[in-house]
Structures are given as C-alpha cells and as structure tokens.
Protein backbone atom coordinates (compact mmCIF):
# COMPACT_ATOMS: atom_id res chain seq x y z
CA MET A 1 129.73 67.77 98.72
CA THR A 2 127.17 67.41 95.96
CA THR A 3 123.38 66.38 95.82
CA ASN A 4 121.40 64.82 93.09
CA ASN A 5 120.24 68.16 92.28
CA PRO A 6 122.90 70.72 92.99
CA GLY A 7 122.11 74.45 92.76
CA PRO A 8 124.03 77.42 92.84
CA LEU A 9 127.06 76.74 95.05
CA LEU A 10 127.22 78.74 98.28
CA PRO A 11 130.00 80.19 100.36
CA GLY A 12 131.60 76.96 101.82
CA GLU A 13 130.39 74.53 99.49
CA VAL A 14 132.52 72.88 96.82
CA GLU A 15 132.22 70.50 93.90
CA VAL A 16 133.97 67.59 93.72
CA SER A 17 133.93 64.89 90.90
CA GLY A 18 132.51 61.17 91.37
CA ALA A 19 129.17 59.78 92.09
CA ARG A 20 129.81 59.99 95.73
CA GLY A 21 131.52 63.11 95.85
CA GLY A 22 135.17 61.34 96.22
CA ASP A 23 137.77 62.95 98.38
CA VAL A 24 137.17 66.09 99.52
CA SER A 25 140.61 66.61 100.71
CA GLY A 26 142.53 69.50 99.17
CA ASP A 27 141.87 73.07 98.43
CA ILE A 28 139.50 74.10 95.59
CA ASP A 29 140.75 77.28 93.74
CA GLY A 30 143.20 77.94 96.39
CA MET A 31 140.34 78.22 99.23
CA PRO A 32 140.55 75.96 102.32
CA THR A 33 138.05 73.15 102.51
CA MET A 34 136.86 70.75 105.30
CA SER A 35 140.07 68.71 105.10
CA ASP A 36 141.78 71.70 106.78
CA VAL A 37 140.03 71.17 110.09
CA THR A 38 141.76 68.16 112.03
CA PRO A 39 139.18 66.02 113.37
CA ALA A 40 139.10 65.88 117.12
CA PRO A 41 140.51 62.67 118.57
CA VAL A 42 138.02 60.23 120.31
CA VAL A 43 138.82 60.64 123.97
CA PRO A 44 137.19 59.44 127.05
CA GLY A 45 134.75 62.09 128.70
CA ARG A 46 131.12 62.83 129.11
CA ALA A 47 130.22 61.99 125.35
CA ALA A 48 128.51 58.64 126.10
CA GLU A 49 126.87 59.85 129.02
CA ILE A 50 125.44 62.72 126.89
CA LEU A 51 124.23 60.18 124.31
CA GLU A 52 122.55 58.09 126.83
CA MET A 53 120.81 61.48 128.12
CA ALA A 54 119.72 62.08 124.58
CA ARG A 55 118.25 58.68 124.17
CA GLU A 56 116.32 59.12 127.53
CA PHE A 57 114.99 62.69 126.56
CA ARG A 58 113.74 61.36 123.38
CA ALA A 59 111.95 58.55 125.04
CA ALA A 60 110.55 61.40 127.45
CA LEU A 61 109.42 63.49 124.73
CA ASP A 62 106.91 60.42 123.49
CA GLU A 63 105.44 60.42 127.17
CA VAL A 64 104.64 64.15 127.03
CA PRO A 65 101.40 63.94 125.22
CA GLY A 66 99.81 61.71 127.40
CA ALA A 67 101.03 63.51 130.39
CA LEU A 68 99.98 67.02 129.76
CA TYR A 69 96.59 66.90 131.80
CA GLN A 70 99.02 66.54 134.73
CA LEU A 71 100.11 70.43 134.19
CA GLY A 72 98.93 73.23 135.19
CA GLU A 73 98.73 76.70 133.19
CA GLU A 74 101.92 77.68 134.27
CA GLY A 75 103.52 74.15 133.96
CA LEU A 76 102.26 74.13 130.27
CA SER A 77 103.52 77.53 129.11
CA ASP A 78 106.75 76.40 130.93
CA LEU A 79 106.92 73.10 129.13
CA MET A 80 106.50 75.17 125.71
CA THR A 81 109.17 77.07 126.64
CA HIS A 82 111.58 74.47 126.84
CA LEU A 83 110.65 72.60 123.98
CA MET A 84 110.65 75.61 121.53
CA GLY A 85 114.32 75.97 122.84
CA VAL A 86 115.15 72.07 122.16
CA HIS A 87 113.50 72.61 118.59
CA VAL A 88 115.73 75.24 117.73
CA ARG A 89 118.86 74.01 119.62
CA ALA A 90 118.56 70.36 118.22
CA ALA A 91 118.68 71.65 114.64
CA GLN A 92 121.92 73.75 115.45
CA VAL A 93 123.67 70.82 117.14
CA ALA A 94 122.58 68.43 114.66
CA THR A 95 124.01 70.34 112.01
CA VAL A 96 127.32 70.61 113.82
CA VAL A 97 127.18 66.62 114.13
CA VAL A 98 126.51 66.69 110.19
CA ALA A 99 129.77 68.90 110.04
CA GLU A 100 131.85 66.67 112.38
CA ALA A 101 130.85 63.51 110.41
CA HIS A 102 131.82 65.04 107.11
CA ILE A 103 135.20 65.91 108.54
CA ARG A 104 135.65 62.32 109.63
CA GLY A 105 134.52 61.13 106.25
CA GLU A 106 131.36 59.33 107.83
CA VAL A 107 129.23 60.57 104.91
CA ASN A 108 131.79 59.55 102.33
CA THR A 109 131.95 56.17 103.58
CA SER A 110 128.11 55.61 104.05
CA VAL A 111 125.53 54.61 101.57
CA SER A 112 123.87 58.21 101.33
CA ALA A 113 125.11 60.09 97.79
CA SER A 114 125.08 63.45 99.64
CA GLY A 115 124.79 65.23 103.08
CA VAL A 116 121.16 65.72 102.56
CA GLN A 117 120.44 62.02 102.11
CA TRP A 118 122.90 61.25 105.13
CA ILE A 119 120.48 63.59 107.11
CA THR A 120 117.27 62.13 105.88
CA ALA A 121 118.43 58.66 106.52
CA HIS A 122 118.80 59.41 109.95
CA ALA A 123 115.42 60.69 110.31
CA VAL A 124 113.82 57.67 108.59
CA GLU A 125 115.86 55.48 111.13
CA ALA A 126 114.26 57.29 113.97
CA GLY A 127 111.03 56.75 112.71
CA THR A 128 110.28 60.43 111.79
CA MET A 129 110.97 62.58 108.77
CA VAL A 130 112.26 65.81 107.95
CA GLU A 131 111.49 68.32 105.64
CA PRO A 132 113.72 68.46 102.10
CA ARG A 133 114.31 72.06 102.61
CA ASP A 134 115.29 71.70 106.23
CA ALA A 135 117.53 68.96 105.41
CA LYS A 136 119.15 71.26 102.63
CA THR A 137 119.83 74.14 104.82
CA MET A 138 121.08 71.75 107.55
CA ALA A 139 123.54 70.32 104.63
CA VAL A 140 124.69 73.77 103.50
CA VAL A 141 125.52 75.23 106.59
CA ALA A 142 127.12 72.08 107.84
CA GLU A 143 129.58 72.10 104.72
CA ALA A 144 130.40 75.79 105.29
CA TYR A 145 131.01 75.07 108.97
CA GLY A 146 134.09 73.27 107.95
CA ASP A 147 135.37 76.48 105.89
CA ARG A 148 138.02 78.75 107.82
CA ARG A 149 136.37 81.60 105.96
CA ASN A 150 133.28 80.96 107.85
CA ALA A 151 134.44 80.82 111.27
CA VAL A 152 132.16 83.51 112.53
CA VAL A 153 128.92 81.54 111.33
CA ALA A 154 130.40 78.07 112.79
CA ASP A 155 130.83 79.84 116.19
CA ALA A 156 127.16 81.46 116.02
CA VAL A 157 125.83 77.94 115.21
CA ARG A 158 127.84 76.28 117.63
CA GLU A 159 126.86 78.80 120.40
CA GLY A 160 123.19 78.90 119.63
CA ARG A 161 123.38 82.51 118.25
CA CYS A 162 121.41 82.35 115.17
CA THR A 163 119.07 80.06 113.57
CA LEU A 164 120.14 77.91 110.58
CA ALA A 165 118.01 79.66 108.02
CA VAL A 166 119.82 83.18 109.15
CA ALA A 167 123.20 81.42 108.84
CA ARG A 168 122.40 80.19 105.23
CA ALA A 169 120.91 83.30 104.41
CA ALA A 170 124.22 85.37 105.88
CA LEU A 171 126.54 82.77 103.82
CA SER A 172 124.53 83.33 100.50
CA ASN A 173 124.34 87.13 100.73
CA THR A 174 127.66 87.91 101.83
CA ASP A 175 129.42 87.19 98.58
CA LYS A 176 126.62 89.67 96.56
CA VAL A 177 127.54 92.34 99.03
CA ALA A 178 131.35 91.90 99.28
CA PRO A 179 131.82 93.60 95.88
CA VAL A 180 129.97 97.03 96.53
CA LEU A 181 131.81 97.00 99.98
CA PRO A 182 135.61 95.97 99.07
CA GLY A 183 136.43 97.64 102.23
CA ALA A 184 134.87 95.35 104.49
CA SER A 185 136.15 91.93 105.64
CA ARG A 186 134.30 88.70 105.17
CA ASP A 187 134.14 88.29 108.89
CA GLU A 188 132.76 91.78 109.27
CA LEU A 189 130.22 91.06 106.69
CA LEU A 190 129.01 87.91 108.02
CA GLY A 191 129.01 89.46 111.45
CA HIS A 192 126.65 91.96 110.53
CA PHE A 193 124.20 89.89 109.16
CA LEU A 194 124.43 87.63 112.07
CA HIS A 195 123.70 90.56 114.61
CA LEU A 196 120.41 91.57 112.71
CA ASP A 197 117.35 91.52 115.05
CA PRO A 198 116.52 87.78 115.55
CA ALA A 199 112.87 88.64 114.75
CA LEU A 200 113.60 89.60 111.07
CA GLY A 201 114.88 86.19 110.34
CA SER A 202 116.56 85.14 106.91
CA ARG A 203 114.03 87.69 105.05
CA GLY A 204 115.68 90.45 106.87
CA VAL A 205 118.91 89.18 106.09
CA SER A 206 118.17 89.35 102.19
CA ALA A 207 115.85 92.80 102.56
CA LEU A 208 119.22 94.16 104.08
CA THR A 209 121.51 92.95 101.23
CA ARG A 210 119.45 94.86 98.68
CA MET A 211 119.32 97.97 100.58
CA ILE A 212 123.35 97.81 101.01
CA ILE A 213 123.55 97.21 97.19
CA ALA A 214 120.86 100.01 96.59
CA GLN A 215 123.09 102.47 98.56
CA TYR A 216 126.29 101.61 97.25
CA ALA A 217 125.73 100.10 94.03
CA PRO A 218 122.61 101.24 92.47
CA ASP A 219 123.23 100.62 88.85
CA THR A 220 124.02 97.01 89.90
CA LEU A 221 120.57 96.35 91.79
CA SER A 222 118.76 98.05 88.79
CA ALA A 223 120.57 95.89 86.22
CA GLN A 224 119.65 92.74 88.64
CA ASP A 225 116.06 93.51 88.96
CA ALA A 226 115.93 94.19 85.35
CA LYS A 227 116.97 90.49 84.40
CA LEU A 228 114.61 89.52 87.02
CA GLU A 229 111.85 91.02 85.21
CA ALA A 230 112.82 89.44 82.20
CA VAL A 231 112.31 86.08 83.41
CA GLU A 232 108.93 86.53 85.39
CA THR A 233 106.82 83.77 85.15
CA LEU A 234 103.34 82.42 86.19
CA SER A 235 101.87 79.01 85.77
CA TRP A 236 99.32 76.69 87.34
CA PHE A 237 98.23 73.14 87.71
CA THR A 238 95.35 70.87 89.02
CA THR A 239 96.33 69.20 92.22
CA PRO A 240 94.91 65.90 93.11
CA THR A 241 92.43 67.49 95.09
CA GLY A 242 90.97 69.59 92.21
CA MET A 243 92.15 72.57 93.33
CA THR A 244 94.15 74.92 91.21
CA ARG A 245 97.57 75.90 92.10
CA LEU A 246 99.21 79.03 90.95
CA THR A 247 102.97 79.40 91.03
CA ALA A 248 104.30 82.99 90.12
CA GLU A 249 107.83 84.33 90.21
CA LEU A 250 107.79 88.05 90.43
CA ALA A 251 110.39 90.67 90.43
CA PRO A 252 110.42 92.73 93.36
CA ALA A 253 108.73 95.98 91.88
CA SER A 254 105.80 93.57 90.44
CA ALA A 255 105.73 91.68 93.80
CA ALA A 256 105.34 94.78 95.63
CA VAL A 257 102.32 96.25 93.47
CA MET A 258 100.53 92.63 93.80
CA LYS A 259 101.23 92.34 97.49
CA SER A 260 99.91 95.66 98.32
CA ALA A 261 96.86 95.54 96.44
CA ILE A 262 96.15 91.98 97.95
CA LEU A 263 96.88 93.02 101.42
CA ALA A 264 94.62 96.07 101.12
CA LEU A 265 91.74 93.87 100.37
CA SER A 266 92.44 90.88 102.81
CA ALA A 267 92.00 92.39 106.04
CA PRO A 268 89.34 90.59 108.29
CA GLN A 269 85.90 91.82 107.76
CA PRO A 270 82.91 91.60 110.21
CA VAL A 271 79.93 89.73 108.34
CA PRO A 272 76.11 89.69 108.90
CA CYS A 273 74.88 87.22 111.26
CA ASP A 274 72.39 84.45 109.39
CA GLU A 275 70.10 84.50 111.99
CA HIS A 276 70.39 88.25 112.73
CA PRO A 277 71.34 90.37 109.65
CA SER A 278 71.73 93.58 111.97
CA VAL A 279 74.16 91.83 114.14
CA THR A 280 77.66 91.20 112.92
CA VAL A 281 80.11 88.31 114.04
CA ALA A 282 83.93 87.90 113.28
CA ASP A 283 85.64 87.22 110.11
CA GLU A 284 86.16 83.38 110.56
CA ARG A 285 88.20 83.20 107.33
CA THR A 286 91.50 82.01 107.38
CA PRO A 287 94.50 84.41 106.28
CA GLY A 288 95.16 82.42 103.13
CA LYS A 289 91.37 82.31 102.36
CA ARG A 290 91.14 86.20 102.90
CA ARG A 291 94.11 86.53 100.34
CA ALA A 292 92.60 84.26 97.98
CA ASP A 293 89.37 86.05 97.98
CA ALA A 294 90.98 89.41 97.68
CA LEU A 295 92.76 87.95 94.45
CA THR A 296 89.32 86.61 92.97
CA GLU A 297 88.18 90.07 93.47
CA LEU A 298 90.91 92.32 92.07
CA ILE A 299 90.93 89.86 88.96
CA THR A 300 87.26 90.00 88.57
CA ALA A 301 87.32 93.88 88.40
CA ALA A 302 89.97 94.01 86.23
CA ALA A 303 87.96 91.68 84.00
CA LYS A 304 85.21 94.03 83.78
CA VAL A 305 86.91 96.73 83.09
CA LEU A 306 88.60 95.05 80.18
CA ALA A 307 85.14 93.72 79.06
CA GLY A 308 84.00 97.26 78.89
CA ASP A 309 81.36 96.07 81.93
CA ALA A 310 82.62 98.60 84.41
CA SER A 311 84.88 101.75 84.46
CA PRO A 312 88.43 102.02 86.13
CA THR A 313 88.22 103.85 88.93
CA GLY A 314 91.17 105.21 91.33
CA ALA A 315 94.68 104.28 90.81
CA ALA A 316 96.01 100.74 89.94
CA ALA A 317 97.09 100.22 93.36
CA THR A 318 98.35 102.13 96.29
CA ALA A 319 101.32 101.91 98.00
CA LEU A 320 103.28 103.63 100.68
CA VAL A 321 107.13 104.06 99.71
CA THR A 322 109.65 105.34 101.81
CA MET A 323 112.42 107.09 100.01
CA ASP A 324 114.44 110.32 99.44
CA LEU A 325 112.96 112.96 96.87
CA ASP A 326 115.99 112.21 94.74
CA VAL A 327 114.32 108.99 94.08
CA LEU A 328 111.62 110.37 92.20
CA THR A 329 113.23 113.44 90.92
CA GLU A 330 116.68 112.05 89.81
CA GLY A 331 116.36 108.24 90.00
CA VAL A 332 119.08 108.18 92.43
CA GLY A 333 118.89 106.17 95.66
CA HIS A 334 115.96 103.39 96.54
CA GLY A 335 112.47 102.96 97.91
CA GLN A 336 111.18 100.51 100.26
CA VAL A 337 107.33 99.49 100.26
CA VAL A 338 105.94 100.01 103.93
CA ALA A 339 103.54 97.22 103.85
CA THR A 340 105.70 94.69 102.46
CA GLY A 341 109.14 95.44 103.03
CA ASP A 342 110.22 95.12 99.48
CA VAL A 343 113.04 97.16 98.46
CA LEU A 344 113.07 98.62 95.17
CA ASP A 345 115.61 100.28 92.85
CA ALA A 346 115.18 103.76 91.92
CA GLY A 347 113.60 102.88 88.44
CA ALA A 348 111.08 100.66 90.03
CA ALA A 349 109.84 103.23 92.28
CA ARG A 350 109.42 106.06 89.67
CA ARG A 351 107.62 103.17 87.35
CA LEU A 352 105.31 102.48 90.41
CA ALA A 353 104.95 106.69 90.51
CA CYS A 354 103.41 106.47 87.24
CA ASP A 355 101.41 102.99 87.50
CA ALA A 356 100.09 103.35 91.00
CA GLN A 357 99.08 105.77 93.56
CA VAL A 358 102.30 106.28 95.47
CA ILE A 359 102.72 108.08 98.65
CA PRO A 360 106.36 109.20 98.96
CA ILE A 361 107.20 109.25 102.62
CA VAL A 362 110.25 111.64 103.32
CA LEU A 363 112.41 110.15 106.55
CA GLY A 364 114.41 111.73 109.07
CA ALA A 365 118.01 110.96 109.98
CA ARG A 366 116.33 108.27 112.41
CA SER A 367 113.89 107.00 109.85
CA GLU A 368 111.06 108.87 111.56
CA PRO A 369 108.38 109.94 108.98
CA LEU A 370 109.15 113.78 108.86
CA ASP A 371 106.46 114.60 105.81
CA VAL A 372 103.58 112.32 104.54
CA GLY A 373 102.66 113.54 100.78
CA ARG A 374 102.28 117.33 100.47
CA LYS A 375 103.57 119.60 103.20
CA GLU A 376 99.95 119.94 104.66
CA ARG A 377 98.47 119.60 108.42
CA LEU A 378 97.95 115.71 109.04
CA VAL A 379 94.53 114.42 109.23
CA THR A 380 93.38 111.09 109.96
CA LYS A 381 94.40 109.43 106.86
CA GLY A 382 97.81 111.18 106.89
CA LEU A 383 98.16 110.47 110.67
CA ARG A 384 97.47 106.71 109.87
CA THR A 385 99.98 106.71 106.95
CA ALA A 386 102.69 108.20 109.36
CA VAL A 387 102.03 105.54 112.10
CA ILE A 388 102.24 102.73 109.32
CA THR A 389 105.46 104.08 108.19
CA ARG A 390 107.04 104.50 111.64
CA ASP A 391 105.37 100.84 112.89
CA HIS A 392 105.32 98.79 109.96
CA GLY A 393 102.55 96.43 111.68
CA CYS A 394 101.49 95.51 114.98
CA THR A 395 103.85 97.03 117.88
CA PHE A 396 103.18 94.43 120.44
CA PRO A 397 106.24 92.21 121.46
CA GLY A 398 106.27 89.22 119.29
CA CYS A 399 103.41 90.18 116.86
CA ASP A 400 104.03 90.28 113.11
CA ARG A 401 100.22 91.20 111.97
CA PRO A 402 100.96 93.52 108.78
CA PRO A 403 99.51 97.20 108.81
CA GLY A 404 96.39 96.09 106.94
CA MET A 405 95.26 94.20 109.63
CA CYS A 406 96.01 96.76 112.57
CA GLU A 407 94.40 99.56 114.26
CA VAL A 408 95.78 103.10 115.48
CA HIS A 409 95.79 102.97 119.04
CA HIS A 410 95.92 105.83 121.52
CA VAL A 411 98.53 105.18 123.72
CA ASN A 412 97.25 107.66 126.49
CA PRO A 413 93.59 107.31 125.82
CA TRP A 414 91.45 110.11 124.42
CA TRP A 415 89.46 110.10 127.70
CA ALA A 416 92.59 110.61 129.76
CA GLY A 417 93.70 113.46 127.91
CA GLY A 418 95.46 111.77 125.27
CA GLU A 419 95.96 113.71 121.84
CA THR A 420 95.44 112.41 118.43
CA CYS A 421 98.77 112.81 117.36
CA LEU A 422 101.90 110.64 116.06
CA ILE A 423 103.67 110.54 119.41
CA ASN A 424 100.75 109.26 121.05
CA SER A 425 99.67 106.48 118.38
CA ALA A 426 100.73 103.03 118.08
CA MET A 427 99.66 100.12 115.78
CA LEU A 428 98.13 97.05 117.28
CA CYS A 429 96.34 94.34 115.65
CA ALA A 430 92.73 93.75 116.97
CA PHE A 431 93.74 90.92 119.43
CA HIS A 432 96.52 92.87 120.85
CA HIS A 433 94.44 96.37 121.06
CA HIS A 434 91.92 94.46 123.38
CA LEU A 435 94.84 92.86 125.22
CA VAL A 436 96.32 96.19 125.84
CA HIS A 437 93.03 97.88 127.18
CA ARG A 438 92.16 94.65 129.36
CA LEU A 439 95.53 94.75 130.96
CA GLY A 440 95.91 98.32 131.13
CA LEU A 441 99.26 98.56 129.56
CA LEU A 442 101.38 101.46 128.69
CA ALA A 443 104.12 102.07 126.04
CA ALA A 444 106.74 104.63 125.36
CA VAL A 445 106.67 105.91 121.87
CA THR A 446 109.40 108.30 120.11
CA ALA A 447 109.33 109.36 116.61
CA ALA A 448 111.77 106.27 115.96
CA GLY A 449 109.28 103.69 117.17
CA VAL A 450 107.06 102.11 120.07
CA CYS A 451 108.37 100.30 123.36
CA TRP A 452 105.91 98.48 125.48
CA ASP A 453 105.67 98.26 129.07
CA LEU A 454 104.16 94.81 129.89
CA THR A 455 103.27 95.75 133.61
CA PRO A 456 99.53 95.76 134.10
CA ASP A 457 97.31 98.69 135.23
CA ARG A 458 99.91 101.30 133.92
CA MET A 459 97.62 103.10 131.40
CA PRO A 460 96.04 106.35 132.61
CA THR A 461 92.45 106.38 133.26
CA ARG A 462 91.58 110.03 133.70
CA ASP A 463 92.93 113.25 132.41
CA ALA A 464 95.87 114.31 134.64
CA ALA A 465 95.22 117.89 134.06
C-alpha cells in the first residue's frame, strides 16, 4: 500500500508500483505479504444481523444528546463508560475491516488511491470526518495486520487488547530494538511492548525503546541523538487569526532542558482579586496559556541578561535526573529526566551537568530513591525531590498531572501522628488532594510506589498512640 505522501516504511508496510499500488500479491524481499492470508469465504451467519444492529446503533447515537436530560447521575456515568468503550473498540474493529478489505482487494478496486483515502471516503459517506493522523494510523496497522510476522499485533487489535496508537508504536519500535537484542524473537519484542501499562500509551513504548537501546547499545543511542541534534529546527509563521505559531523539532537533551524549565514556571498560581487585593482567587489560565507565559518569561529574562540589563542568577535550568554514578563519572549508561520522562544518553546527561543544575538521584534495585544529591539528612526540599522521583506526578488513579502541578500529601495525616517522611508521602494534584481529604481516602506506600484504597473514611483521624 502506498500513499500520496509516503513516509518511512513500518513493519508490515510494503511499497508497490503503479499509481494505485497495483497487485500486492507475492513476497517483497522474501517477506510474507497480505496475499499470504486467504480471505474468508462469505458464508451464512450473523453478519447481516450484526450489520443491521450497527446501523441501528449509529441512529441511536444521534438521539443521545436530546435524551440526556432523562438520565440521572448514575445513568450518565454509565453511558459515558459505554461510549468510551465503543469509541476505542470501534477504531479497533474498523482497522480489522480495513485489513479484510485489503485482503479481498476492495481497496485496490475502489476509486481511492490508498488505504488512507479509502478510510476517509467512508467517513465522508457517513457524514462525518476522520483526522488524517488517525486515518494513517488505522491504515498502517491494517496493512501490518495481514503480515504473518505481526500476528501478535493482529491478535491484540482483533481482541481489543491494545489501542491503535500503541500497536503502531510497537510495530515501529520493534525493528529499532531488534538489532540490540538479537536473542529475542519478533513475537517476544512485540508482545513486550503490547503488555506495557495501557496508561503509558504510545509514548511509553517509545520511551522504553530508548531505555533498551541505552542499556544494551549506548553508543548507538549517542550516535542517533548526535544526528538529531545536528538537524534541530525552529520556525514560526503567522496564522490567519494573527497569532504566531512556533514549530520546534529538538533532540531529547534540548527538549528535556526546555520542558523542565517551562514546567517549573507553569504551575497554577493564585492571583489577587480585583475587588479585594488581599484575597486571592484560583488561576483561571489554561495549561497551554500557562506554558506560553512561562516560555515568554524565560525568553524575556534571557534577553535582559544578553542586553546587559540584568545579571544571570542561578543555573541555566534545574532538572532531576535519575542515573547511576557511572553515567556522570565514566559516561556509561543513561539517565532519565523525572519531570518529563525523557531518556538521555550518557553524553547528554554529562552535558546537562555542566549547563544546568542537575540533581543526580541514585536508585535502588526496585527504582526507589536511595540517595538524593549529597549524602545528608533529607530536609523539605530533599524530601520533595525524593517523592517526585518515585511518583513522577499525581498518584491518584487515572491522573496524569505532572510534578509541577502537585503537592506532597501526608498519607497518614500529621495531626493523626503521621511523620514527614518518604514512606508517608504521596504526590497529589490540588484537585485530588482536596478529594482525598474530603473522602478520607488512604493509600499504601512502599519505597517503590503508592497504591490508593478508594474506600471512603479510611484515613486516620487521631493519633493511634
């Protein structure tokens, strides 16, 4: 399958000749293609009934907005749960349908020049639209679906065990990891990626890929990042609304410094009330607006220094980087920026140690923080650093708020005898911090992480002693 603007081939993609892709039968470089999969014959069964049910369900969806007032809070929540399940599952099933259409030759005999166009055409026919990125992901995974080498991915998509974004990321990153893990089969690598925590998503697959390469082939990662640094770009243009849009492509080390600096300045800040200056109100800026303000503040401060109107103070940026001591002393291994999750090769970590205020954090066998900075008694700042290192952000189930938007919560409250220590601390965003106290929730904390018990009124209310 080809598109009007083909990119690098992913596992399962094949290039074929002709404006429409021609016949995809046969092997490419000896590898199996979708023609190796025998189309299932059309036989009597429930398919016609299912198709009619799909039509009725689509019509029912159009009635939902006008009927919401008839549902109570429990019904509304239940409906949302089902709709989200349908949203994800529909994309998976649609991808299986596209794969079947390829196998039967339906795409090649249509008026569409590619699988992406075939998907888009059907969306238009349904009176809706599909994002080009989503259509591309669906098309790529659908074509890989018909390759025998990708049976693990095909099974996961068909059975609803992974999102399409994760499936595509697994396909793309498996070939990157394979050279450094020659003893692992393709099925093992694909399966490993697909069994990651679903909350990590496709970004988790990419981060794991960098970590594997950094561990088993650090020179390869350093060489790759050096090439990326050589082609970094920054551009801007004026949109029709009069705004200026910045577009930057940065190597991991540069991106880590920039993101760490912006995150440090973009947390919500209470502001004085116009009518009563002594009273503060919540920061109503959107996350995007806060990040834009932080970037402007950083650039303004730097411009004043360059113009001689201000003196530089502090370090270039502050970053918490988890790493082994060998990374800094011998340049062996890799580091990971806590606030952003960026995986840095040893060379990048050492450069950051020169250019930024890097707080190296030594980790134990289960990734628990054993030592923060110098070997000294943990104080308030050191304790927060240790909690950030372990929790990476809000620990409440399903929340993805970063450390800069979180507070350190005493799991066993101070007034109930709880100590100010790592084993009694958990990161919570402001919303969930209030929720935990309002519902009286309790968590189990170990050196490796935090697990919340969502049963109300478990939080101690007095000193057990």
